[in-house]
Amino acid sequence: MRQHVLVLYLATSALDSDVVGWSRYDGTARTHPTTGDSDEPPYATGLAALHDGWRLFQASQLLPPQAGHEYDVSFLKHEFFFEKLEELEELEEPGEAGNG
């Protein structure tokens, strides 16, 4: 089993709000997504990812801003981690492909 991880940053804490940023990671090493490889998010909302079979396993904690810092820009705070598990036919150790 290998894990695909999808990190979606949403406009609000609601799963049906728009995706404003994202990252993808492929534990199978079959693809190598990088930052900025697409102008379009993989899903319009977090809910759309759930509808496509991604499992939500972590949501960022909702913390109110400190007084006087309500409009500070520092990081994307509505972060959701999703996963899909994929079975591999044959597990190879990294670097062993083609050695035979």
N, C-alpha and C. Protein backbone atom coordinates (compact mmCIF):
# COMPACT_ATOMS: atom_id res chain seq x y z
N MET A 1 0.84 -1.19 0.00
CA MET A 1 0.00 0.00 0.00
C MET A 1 0.88 1.24 0.00
N ARG A 2 0.51 2.19 -0.82
CA ARG A 2 1.20 3.48 -0.85
C ARG A 2 0.15 4.58 -0.75
N GLN A 3 0.57 5.71 -0.23
CA GLN A 3 -0.34 6.80 0.06
C GLN A 3 -0.13 7.96 -0.91
N HIS A 4 -1.23 8.47 -1.45
CA HIS A 4 -1.23 9.74 -2.17
C HIS A 4 -1.77 10.77 -1.19
N VAL A 5 -1.12 11.91 -1.08
CA VAL A 5 -1.56 12.97 -0.17
C VAL A 5 -1.89 14.21 -0.99
N LEU A 6 -3.03 14.79 -0.66
CA LEU A 6 -3.49 16.03 -1.29
C LEU A 6 -3.73 17.04 -0.18
N VAL A 7 -3.08 18.17 -0.25
CA VAL A 7 -3.27 19.24 0.73
C VAL A 7 -4.00 20.36 0.02
N LEU A 8 -5.19 20.69 0.53
CA LEU A 8 -5.97 21.79 -0.03
C LEU A 8 -6.06 22.92 0.98
N TYR A 9 -5.81 24.12 0.51
CA TYR A 9 -5.98 25.32 1.32
C TYR A 9 -7.26 25.99 0.82
N LEU A 10 -8.24 26.13 1.71
CA LEU A 10 -9.55 26.64 1.32
C LEU A 10 -9.72 28.09 1.75
N ALA A 11 -10.67 28.78 1.12
CA ALA A 11 -10.93 30.19 1.42
C ALA A 11 -11.46 30.37 2.84
N THR A 12 -12.21 29.38 3.34
CA THR A 12 -12.74 29.43 4.71
C THR A 12 -12.59 28.05 5.32
N SER A 13 -13.09 27.89 6.53
CA SER A 13 -12.99 26.59 7.20
C SER A 13 -14.03 25.59 6.71
N ALA A 14 -14.95 26.00 5.84
CA ALA A 14 -15.99 25.11 5.32
C ALA A 14 -15.45 24.29 4.15
N LEU A 15 -15.71 22.98 4.16
CA LEU A 15 -15.21 22.11 3.09
C LEU A 15 -15.77 22.46 1.72
N ASP A 16 -16.90 23.15 1.68
CA ASP A 16 -17.47 23.51 0.38
C ASP A 16 -17.02 24.89 -0.10
N SER A 17 -16.00 25.47 0.55
CA SER A 17 -15.47 26.75 0.08
C SER A 17 -14.40 26.51 -0.99
N ASP A 18 -14.07 27.56 -1.72
CA ASP A 18 -13.16 27.46 -2.86
C ASP A 18 -11.72 27.13 -2.44
N VAL A 19 -11.05 26.35 -3.28
CA VAL A 19 -9.63 26.04 -3.10
C VAL A 19 -8.82 27.26 -3.54
N VAL A 20 -7.90 27.71 -2.67
CA VAL A 20 -7.04 28.85 -2.99
C VAL A 20 -5.57 28.45 -3.13
N GLY A 21 -5.23 27.24 -2.73
CA GLY A 21 -3.88 26.73 -2.85
C GLY A 21 -3.89 25.23 -2.65
N TRP A 22 -2.85 24.54 -3.14
CA TRP A 22 -2.83 23.08 -3.03
C TRP A 22 -1.41 22.54 -3.22
N SER A 23 -1.22 21.32 -2.72
CA SER A 23 0.01 20.55 -2.92
C SER A 23 -0.37 19.10 -3.08
N ARG A 24 0.41 18.37 -3.86
CA ARG A 24 0.17 16.94 -4.05
C ARG A 24 1.47 16.18 -3.82
N TYR A 25 1.33 14.98 -3.25
CA TYR A 25 2.49 14.11 -2.99
C TYR A 25 2.10 12.69 -3.37
N ASP A 26 2.98 12.00 -4.08
CA ASP A 26 2.69 10.65 -4.56
C ASP A 26 3.65 9.65 -3.92
N GLY A 27 3.13 8.86 -2.99
CA GLY A 27 3.94 7.86 -2.30
C GLY A 27 4.31 6.68 -3.16
N THR A 28 3.69 6.54 -4.35
CA THR A 28 4.05 5.45 -5.25
C THR A 28 5.28 5.81 -6.09
N ALA A 29 5.63 7.09 -6.12
CA ALA A 29 6.74 7.61 -6.93
C ALA A 29 6.48 7.47 -8.43
N ARG A 30 5.23 7.25 -8.82
CA ARG A 30 4.89 7.17 -10.25
C ARG A 30 4.78 8.54 -10.89
N THR A 31 4.41 9.55 -10.09
CA THR A 31 4.35 10.92 -10.58
C THR A 31 5.17 11.79 -9.63
N HIS A 32 5.57 12.94 -10.12
CA HIS A 32 6.39 13.86 -9.32
C HIS A 32 5.83 15.28 -9.44
N PRO A 33 4.65 15.51 -8.85
CA PRO A 33 4.08 16.86 -8.93
C PRO A 33 4.97 17.87 -8.22
N THR A 34 5.04 19.08 -8.78
CA THR A 34 5.84 20.13 -8.18
C THR A 34 5.00 21.39 -8.02
N THR A 35 5.48 22.28 -7.19
CA THR A 35 4.79 23.54 -6.97
C THR A 35 4.70 24.31 -8.28
N GLY A 36 3.52 24.81 -8.58
CA GLY A 36 3.33 25.62 -9.77
C GLY A 36 3.20 24.85 -11.06
N ASP A 37 2.98 23.53 -10.99
CA ASP A 37 2.86 22.75 -12.23
C ASP A 37 1.47 22.85 -12.85
N SER A 38 0.56 23.58 -12.20
CA SER A 38 -0.78 23.76 -12.74
C SER A 38 -1.36 25.07 -12.24
N ASP A 39 -2.08 25.76 -13.13
CA ASP A 39 -2.76 27.00 -12.74
C ASP A 39 -4.14 26.72 -12.17
N GLU A 40 -4.66 25.54 -12.41
CA GLU A 40 -5.99 25.17 -11.95
C GLU A 40 -5.88 24.17 -10.80
N PRO A 41 -6.64 24.39 -9.72
CA PRO A 41 -6.60 23.43 -8.62
C PRO A 41 -7.17 22.08 -9.06
N PRO A 42 -6.76 21.00 -8.42
CA PRO A 42 -7.26 19.67 -8.78
C PRO A 42 -8.76 19.52 -8.51
N TYR A 43 -9.28 20.29 -7.58
CA TYR A 43 -10.71 20.29 -7.24
C TYR A 43 -11.12 21.72 -6.93
N ALA A 44 -12.37 22.04 -7.18
CA ALA A 44 -12.88 23.39 -6.91
C ALA A 44 -13.06 23.62 -5.42
N THR A 45 -13.41 22.55 -4.69
CA THR A 45 -13.66 22.65 -3.24
C THR A 45 -13.13 21.40 -2.55
N GLY A 46 -13.04 21.45 -1.24
CA GLY A 46 -12.68 20.26 -0.48
C GLY A 46 -13.74 19.18 -0.60
N LEU A 47 -14.99 19.59 -0.67
CA LEU A 47 -16.10 18.64 -0.80
C LEU A 47 -16.00 17.86 -2.12
N ALA A 48 -15.56 18.52 -3.18
CA ALA A 48 -15.39 17.84 -4.47
C ALA A 48 -14.33 16.75 -4.36
N ALA A 49 -13.28 16.98 -3.57
CA ALA A 49 -12.26 15.95 -3.36
C ALA A 49 -12.86 14.75 -2.63
N LEU A 50 -13.71 15.00 -1.63
CA LEU A 50 -14.38 13.90 -0.93
C LEU A 50 -15.26 13.11 -1.89
N HIS A 51 -15.98 13.81 -2.76
CA HIS A 51 -16.85 13.13 -3.74
C HIS A 51 -16.05 12.24 -4.68
N ASP A 52 -14.78 12.58 -4.90
CA ASP A 52 -13.92 11.80 -5.80
C ASP A 52 -13.17 10.68 -5.08
N GLY A 53 -13.48 10.47 -3.81
CA GLY A 53 -12.89 9.34 -3.10
C GLY A 53 -11.71 9.66 -2.20
N TRP A 54 -11.30 10.91 -2.10
CA TRP A 54 -10.23 11.28 -1.18
C TRP A 54 -10.76 11.24 0.24
N ARG A 55 -9.96 10.73 1.16
CA ARG A 55 -10.34 10.65 2.57
C ARG A 55 -9.69 11.79 3.33
N LEU A 56 -10.52 12.55 4.05
CA LEU A 56 -10.01 13.65 4.87
C LEU A 56 -9.43 13.06 6.14
N PHE A 57 -8.16 13.36 6.44
CA PHE A 57 -7.58 12.84 7.68
C PHE A 57 -7.05 13.91 8.60
N GLN A 58 -7.01 15.16 8.17
CA GLN A 58 -6.60 16.22 9.09
C GLN A 58 -7.12 17.55 8.59
N ALA A 59 -7.59 18.36 9.53
CA ALA A 59 -8.00 19.74 9.25
C ALA A 59 -7.28 20.64 10.24
N SER A 60 -6.90 21.81 9.79
CA SER A 60 -6.18 22.72 10.68
C SER A 60 -7.09 23.22 11.80
N GLN A 61 -6.48 23.46 12.92
CA GLN A 61 -7.20 23.96 14.08
C GLN A 61 -7.63 25.40 13.83
N LEU A 62 -8.85 25.72 14.22
CA LEU A 62 -9.34 27.09 14.06
C LEU A 62 -8.94 27.92 15.27
N LEU A 63 -8.07 28.86 15.04
CA LEU A 63 -7.59 29.74 16.10
C LEU A 63 -7.95 31.18 15.77
N PRO A 64 -8.56 31.89 16.70
CA PRO A 64 -8.87 33.29 16.43
C PRO A 64 -7.60 34.13 16.43
N PRO A 65 -7.55 35.17 15.60
CA PRO A 65 -6.36 36.04 15.60
C PRO A 65 -6.28 36.85 16.88
N GLN A 66 -5.08 37.22 17.25
CA GLN A 66 -4.89 38.09 18.41
C GLN A 66 -5.44 39.47 18.09
N ALA A 67 -5.89 40.16 19.11
CA ALA A 67 -6.42 41.52 18.93
C ALA A 67 -5.38 42.39 18.23
N GLY A 68 -5.83 43.10 17.21
CA GLY A 68 -4.94 43.97 16.44
C GLY A 68 -4.26 43.29 15.28
N HIS A 69 -4.42 41.96 15.15
CA HIS A 69 -3.78 41.20 14.07
C HIS A 69 -4.80 40.51 13.17
N GLU A 70 -6.02 41.00 13.16
CA GLU A 70 -7.09 40.37 12.38
C GLU A 70 -6.81 40.38 10.88
N TYR A 71 -6.04 41.34 10.41
CA TYR A 71 -5.81 41.47 8.96
C TYR A 71 -4.36 41.19 8.56
N ASP A 72 -3.59 40.61 9.45
CA ASP A 72 -2.21 40.23 9.11
C ASP A 72 -2.23 39.10 8.09
N VAL A 73 -1.29 39.15 7.17
CA VAL A 73 -1.15 38.08 6.18
C VAL A 73 0.14 37.33 6.52
N SER A 74 0.00 36.02 6.80
CA SER A 74 1.20 35.26 7.15
C SER A 74 1.20 33.86 6.55
N PHE A 75 0.08 33.16 6.59
CA PHE A 75 0.01 31.80 6.06
C PHE A 75 -1.44 31.49 5.73
N LEU A 76 -1.64 30.43 4.97
CA LEU A 76 -3.00 29.99 4.64
C LEU A 76 -3.49 29.11 5.77
N LYS A 77 -4.51 29.56 6.48
CA LYS A 77 -4.88 28.88 7.72
C LYS A 77 -5.93 27.79 7.59
N HIS A 78 -6.61 27.68 6.47
CA HIS A 78 -7.66 26.66 6.33
C HIS A 78 -7.10 25.50 5.50
N GLU A 79 -6.28 24.68 6.16
CA GLU A 79 -5.51 23.61 5.51
C GLU A 79 -6.17 22.26 5.80
N PHE A 80 -6.40 21.49 4.74
CA PHE A 80 -7.03 20.18 4.86
C PHE A 80 -6.16 19.14 4.16
N PHE A 81 -5.89 18.03 4.85
CA PHE A 81 -5.09 16.94 4.30
C PHE A 81 -6.01 15.78 3.92
N PHE A 82 -5.87 15.32 2.69
CA PHE A 82 -6.65 14.19 2.17
C PHE A 82 -5.69 13.09 1.74
N GLU A 83 -6.19 11.86 1.70
CA GLU A 83 -5.36 10.75 1.24
C GLU A 83 -6.17 9.80 0.39
N LYS A 84 -5.47 9.11 -0.50
CA LYS A 84 -5.97 7.94 -1.23
C LYS A 84 -4.90 6.89 -1.08
N LEU A 85 -5.31 5.66 -0.84
CA LEU A 85 -4.36 4.55 -0.73
C LEU A 85 -4.39 3.75 -2.02
N GLU A 86 -3.22 3.33 -2.46
CA GLU A 86 -3.11 2.56 -3.69
C GLU A 86 -2.29 1.31 -3.43
N GLU A 87 -2.84 0.18 -3.85
CA GLU A 87 -2.10 -1.08 -3.73
C GLU A 87 -1.13 -1.18 -4.89
N LEU A 88 0.06 -1.65 -4.60
CA LEU A 88 1.05 -1.86 -5.64
C LEU A 88 1.18 -3.35 -5.88
N GLU A 89 1.29 -3.72 -7.15
CA GLU A 89 1.42 -5.13 -7.51
C GLU A 89 2.68 -5.74 -6.93
N GLU A 90 3.78 -5.03 -7.12
CA GLU A 90 5.06 -5.54 -6.65
C GLU A 90 5.81 -4.39 -6.01
N LEU A 91 6.18 -4.56 -4.78
CA LEU A 91 6.91 -3.52 -4.08
C LEU A 91 8.40 -3.64 -4.40
N GLU A 92 8.98 -2.56 -4.88
CA GLU A 92 10.41 -2.52 -5.14
C GLU A 92 11.03 -1.51 -4.21
N GLU A 93 12.22 -1.79 -3.78
CA GLU A 93 12.95 -0.82 -2.98
C GLU A 93 13.38 0.32 -3.90
N PRO A 94 13.40 1.56 -3.41
CA PRO A 94 13.85 2.67 -4.25
C PRO A 94 15.23 2.40 -4.83
N GLY A 95 15.37 2.66 -6.12
CA GLY A 95 16.66 2.46 -6.77
C GLY A 95 16.85 1.06 -7.33
N GLU A 96 15.89 0.15 -7.10
CA GLU A 96 16.05 -1.23 -7.59
C GLU A 96 15.43 -1.45 -8.95
N ALA A 97 14.63 -0.50 -9.44
CA ALA A 97 13.99 -0.68 -10.74
C ALA A 97 15.04 -0.87 -11.82
N GLY A 98 14.87 -1.88 -12.63
CA GLY A 98 15.80 -2.14 -13.71
C GLY A 98 17.00 -2.97 -13.31
N ASN A 99 17.16 -3.28 -12.04
CA ASN A 99 18.26 -4.14 -11.60
C ASN A 99 17.78 -5.58 -11.65
N GLY A 100 18.41 -6.38 -12.39
CA GLY A 100 17.89 -7.73 -12.43
C GLY A 100 18.85 -8.66 -12.90
